[in-house]
């Protein structure tokens, strides 16, 4: 894989400035940062959901009566879940 030297980085920076312009460059960078933040939070949320799903599968396999109280009940009955 080729290395990027200072000349190549300057050329890339000039091309970016020509594409976006000086006025829109800060907005584009801000938008890119927001998108990265949203992507990171979604990935973290997916990891948490996956861990919860694995714990639920493990508890079903071992016959444990521990349930996650954050999920809504679907059996249309009131009372504590077991």
Protein backbone atom coordinates (compact mmCIF):
# COMPACT_ATOMS: atom_id res chain seq x y z
CA UNK A 1 0.00 0.00 0.00
CA UNK A 2 1.49 3.35 -0.98
CA UNK A 3 2.31 5.89 1.69
CA UNK A 4 0.83 9.37 1.59
CA UNK A 5 3.50 12.02 1.74
CA UNK A 6 3.12 15.76 2.32
CA UNK A 7 2.72 16.46 -1.40
CA UNK A 8 -0.18 14.03 -1.74
CA UNK A 9 -1.88 15.42 1.36
CA UNK A 10 -1.62 18.98 -0.02
CA UNK A 11 -3.12 17.85 -3.33
CA UNK A 12 -5.99 16.12 -1.51
CA UNK A 13 -6.62 19.24 0.61
CA UNK A 14 -6.68 21.47 -2.49
CA UNK A 15 -9.13 19.14 -4.25
CA UNK A 16 -11.42 19.14 -1.19
CA UNK A 17 -11.34 22.94 -0.98
CA UNK A 18 -12.10 23.19 -4.71
CA UNK A 19 -15.03 20.77 -4.39
CA UNK A 20 -16.64 22.29 -1.30
CA UNK A 21 -15.32 25.84 -1.19
CA UNK A 22 -14.06 27.76 1.84
CA UNK A 23 -17.54 28.72 3.04
CA UNK A 24 -19.05 25.23 2.99
CA UNK A 25 -16.00 23.39 4.34
CA UNK A 26 -16.78 24.00 8.06
CA UNK A 27 -20.39 22.90 7.53
CA UNK A 28 -19.24 19.75 5.75
CA UNK A 29 -16.81 18.93 8.58
CA UNK A 30 -19.52 19.56 11.19
CA UNK A 31 -21.94 17.32 9.32
CA UNK A 32 -19.30 14.60 9.04
CA UNK A 33 -18.69 14.80 12.80
CA UNK A 34 -22.39 14.51 13.57
CA UNK A 35 -22.72 11.53 11.26
CA UNK A 36 -19.77 9.81 12.94
CA UNK A 37 -21.28 10.46 16.39
CA UNK A 38 -24.65 9.02 15.35
CA UNK A 39 -22.96 6.00 13.78
CA UNK A 40 -20.94 5.37 16.95
CA UNK A 41 -24.03 5.59 19.17
CA UNK A 42 -25.94 3.18 16.90
CA UNK A 43 -23.07 0.68 16.98
CA UNK A 44 -22.95 0.89 20.78
CA UNK A 45 -26.71 0.39 20.97
CA UNK A 46 -26.47 -2.67 18.73
CA UNK A 47 -23.73 -4.11 20.97
CA UNK A 48 -25.90 -3.62 24.06
CA UNK A 49 -28.91 -5.24 22.38
CA UNK A 50 -26.76 -8.15 21.26
CA UNK A 51 -25.42 -8.68 24.80
CA UNK A 52 -28.97 -8.58 26.20
CA UNK A 53 -30.11 -11.09 23.59
CA UNK A 54 -27.21 -13.42 24.44
CA UNK A 55 -28.02 -13.18 28.16
CA UNK A 56 -31.67 -13.93 27.45
CA UNK A 57 -30.73 -16.93 25.30
CA UNK A 58 -28.39 -18.19 28.02
CA UNK A 59 -31.07 -17.84 30.68
CA UNK A 60 -33.56 -19.72 28.49
CA UNK A 61 -31.04 -22.50 27.90
CA UNK A 62 -30.33 -22.88 31.63
CA UNK A 63 -33.99 -22.58 32.62
CA UNK A 64 -33.46 -19.41 34.63
CA UNK A 65 -36.53 -17.35 35.44
CA UNK A 66 -34.73 -14.00 35.14
CA UNK A 67 -36.32 -11.71 32.58
CA UNK A 68 -35.59 -8.25 31.30
CA UNK A 69 -38.16 -5.81 32.75
CA UNK A 70 -37.48 -3.21 30.07
CA UNK A 71 -39.23 -5.22 27.35
CA UNK A 72 -43.00 -4.85 27.12
CA UNK A 73 -45.20 -7.78 28.04
CA UNK A 74 -47.02 -9.43 25.18
CA UNK A 75 -49.21 -11.95 27.02
CA UNK A 76 -51.87 -9.34 27.98
CA UNK A 77 -51.72 -10.27 31.66
CA UNK A 78 -50.87 -8.06 34.58
CA UNK A 79 -48.59 -8.93 37.44
CA UNK A 80 -44.92 -9.66 37.90
CA UNK A 81 -43.05 -11.61 35.27
CA UNK A 82 -41.33 -14.83 36.24
